[in-house]
Protein backbone atom coordinates (compact mmCIF):
# COMPACT_ATOMS: atom_id res chain seq x y z
CA UNK A 1 -90.01 136.73 235.04
CA UNK A 2 -91.68 138.12 237.60
CA UNK A 3 -94.61 139.57 237.37
CA UNK A 4 -95.69 143.05 238.64
CA UNK A 5 -97.37 142.53 242.02
CA UNK A 6 -101.16 144.03 242.29
CA UNK A 7 -101.68 146.67 244.94
CA UNK A 8 -103.60 144.54 246.98
CA UNK A 9 -101.09 141.76 247.80
CA UNK A 10 -99.06 144.62 249.22
CA UNK A 11 -101.97 145.75 251.43
CA UNK A 12 -102.06 141.87 252.74
CA UNK A 13 -98.71 141.49 253.31
CA UNK A 14 -98.15 144.62 255.55
CA UNK A 15 -100.93 143.19 257.59
CA UNK A 16 -99.35 139.89 257.94
CA UNK A 17 -96.11 141.44 259.06
CA UNK A 18 -97.52 143.75 261.73
CA UNK A 19 -99.87 140.98 263.24
CA UNK A 20 -96.07 138.91 262.85
CA UNK A 21 -94.98 141.67 264.79
CA UNK A 22 -97.47 141.73 267.48
CA UNK A 23 -97.34 138.43 268.21
CA UNK A 24 -94.10 137.97 268.77
CA UNK A 25 -94.36 141.02 271.53
CA UNK A 26 -96.77 139.27 272.76
CA UNK A 27 -94.92 135.97 273.57
CA UNK A 28 -93.15 135.47 276.44
CA UNK A 29 -90.49 132.24 275.88
CA UNK A 30 -90.34 129.45 279.02
CA UNK A 31 -87.22 130.28 281.41
CA UNK A 32 -84.14 128.43 280.66
CA UNK A 33 -84.07 126.65 284.23
CA UNK A 34 -87.68 125.47 283.30
CA UNK A 35 -86.42 124.37 279.68
CA UNK A 36 -83.48 122.23 281.71
CA UNK A 37 -85.52 120.68 284.25
CA UNK A 38 -87.78 119.55 281.24
CA UNK A 39 -85.18 117.28 280.02
CA UNK A 40 -83.99 116.38 283.02
CA UNK A 41 -87.36 114.92 284.04
CA UNK A 42 -87.17 113.37 280.57
CA UNK A 43 -84.13 111.89 281.25
CA UNK A 44 -85.06 110.39 284.42
CA UNK A 45 -88.02 109.04 282.34
CA UNK A 46 -86.07 107.12 279.71
CA UNK A 47 -83.39 105.64 282.36
CA UNK A 48 -85.86 104.48 284.30
CA UNK A 49 -88.23 102.53 281.27
CA UNK A 50 -84.74 101.16 280.21
CA UNK A 51 -83.73 99.97 283.48
CA UNK A 52 -87.24 98.12 283.49
CA UNK A 53 -86.87 96.57 280.25
CA UNK A 54 -83.78 95.30 281.32
CA UNK A 55 -85.07 93.87 284.64
CA UNK A 56 -87.72 91.88 282.52
CA UNK A 57 -85.54 90.59 279.67
CA UNK A 58 -83.12 89.07 282.56
CA UNK A 59 -86.11 87.68 284.61
CA UNK A 60 -88.03 86.63 281.63
CA UNK A 61 -84.59 84.66 280.32
CA UNK A 62 -83.44 83.20 283.89
CA UNK A 63 -87.26 82.03 283.93
CA UNK A 64 -86.80 80.48 280.20
CA UNK A 65 -83.60 78.62 280.84
CA UNK A 66 -85.08 77.58 284.49
CA UNK A 67 -87.99 75.99 282.63
CA UNK A 68 -85.68 74.51 279.77
CA UNK A 69 -83.44 72.44 282.59
CA UNK A 70 -86.38 71.80 284.57
CA UNK A 71 -87.70 69.56 281.95
CA UNK A 72 -84.58 67.09 282.16
CA UNK A 73 -86.34 64.95 284.37
CA UNK A 74 -86.95 61.89 282.24
CA UNK A 75 -83.90 59.34 281.76
CA UNK A 76 -82.72 59.16 278.19
CA UNK A 77 -81.91 55.79 277.22
CA UNK A 78 -78.68 54.33 275.52
CA UNK A 79 -79.38 53.56 271.63
CA UNK A 80 -79.25 50.01 271.03
CA UNK A 81 -77.33 49.28 267.29
CA UNK A 82 -79.81 47.37 265.36
CA UNK A 83 -79.76 43.55 264.71
CA UNK A 84 -78.11 41.83 262.01
CA UNK A 85 -81.00 40.20 259.80
CA UNK A 86 -80.76 37.80 257.20
CA UNK A 87 -81.98 38.65 253.65
CA UNK A 88 -85.38 37.41 252.94
CA UNK A 89 -85.20 37.30 249.59
CA UNK A 90 -81.52 34.88 249.32
CA UNK A 91 -81.86 32.18 251.11
CA UNK A 92 -78.52 31.01 253.17
CA UNK A 93 -77.27 27.59 251.25
CA UNK A 94 -77.35 29.50 247.88
CA UNK A 95 -75.35 32.83 248.87
CA UNK A 96 -72.59 30.24 250.36
CA UNK A 97 -73.17 28.18 246.77
CA UNK A 98 -72.58 31.43 244.63
CA UNK A 99 -69.33 31.88 246.80
CA UNK A 100 -67.48 29.22 246.35
CA UNK A 101 -66.53 26.75 244.13
CA UNK A 102 -68.98 23.33 243.78
CA UNK A 103 -67.72 20.54 245.61
CA UNK A 104 -67.22 17.29 243.81
CA UNK A 105 -69.42 14.12 244.47
CA UNK A 106 -66.96 12.73 246.67
CA UNK A 107 -66.27 16.07 249.38
CA UNK A 108 -68.20 17.00 252.02
CA UNK A 109 -70.60 19.79 252.33
CA UNK A 110 -69.20 22.91 253.20
CA UNK A 111 -69.03 24.23 256.65
CA UNK A 112 -69.85 27.67 258.14
CA UNK A 113 -66.93 28.69 260.55
CA UNK A 114 -67.52 30.30 263.63
CA UNK A 115 -67.92 33.84 263.63
CA UNK A 116 -64.98 35.83 265.81
CA UNK A 117 -66.07 38.05 268.36
CA UNK A 118 -64.95 42.06 267.77
CA UNK A 119 -61.56 42.81 269.00
CA UNK A 120 -61.16 44.78 272.40
CA UNK A 121 -60.16 47.67 272.53
CA UNK A 122 -57.70 49.33 275.34
CA UNK A 123 -58.33 53.18 276.90
CA UNK A 124 -55.05 55.07 276.10
CA UNK A 125 -54.32 55.49 279.71
CA UNK A 126 -53.77 51.81 280.32
CA UNK A 127 -49.94 50.62 279.25
CA UNK A 128 -49.39 48.75 276.24
CA UNK A 129 -49.68 44.80 276.74
CA UNK A 130 -46.57 42.82 277.58
CA UNK A 131 -44.65 41.52 274.70
CA UNK A 132 -46.61 43.99 272.06
CA UNK A 133 -45.03 45.11 269.28
CA UNK A 134 -45.46 48.64 269.97
CA UNK A 135 -41.90 49.94 271.06
CA UNK A 136 -42.28 52.17 274.08
CA UNK A 137 -40.36 55.39 274.48
CA UNK A 138 -39.70 57.04 277.56
CA UNK A 139 -40.83 60.74 277.60
CA UNK A 140 -38.03 63.50 278.12
CA UNK A 141 -37.72 65.42 281.31
CA UNK A 142 -38.59 68.74 279.36
CA UNK A 143 -41.65 67.57 277.85
CA UNK A 144 -43.64 67.20 281.04
CA UNK A 145 -46.27 70.29 282.47
CA UNK A 146 -44.71 72.52 285.34
CA UNK A 147 -46.42 74.73 287.21
CA UNK A 148 -44.76 78.33 285.99
């Protein structure tokens, strides 16, 4: 519950009310056209700052891209596949002996067959070689590209 107010509190409240009323009479608000002019100036400043920021970002990005493109002056060498190496732990003669049956006393030593060169691939745009096992099928006229 609320306690009863002391008479001094009423005097203070009355004094505050009188001060607020006299201050309200002395205050004069800013005219509306000045308030709207302030808002327009603030909007123009905000747009100007945004446009300047956009210019800085675009020019900075362009400069960064130009610097990155300028770095490409060094030629790039093609990758070379590593050459095959023989294992140092296993001699060649023992590796061949492990894979083949042991020769008889009157047979000659095993000979190594020459390695074959890798098969060459023909590009997809070239016609198949003559006498190939792959049958050729003509393209139907409806499968051709049209400009329509």
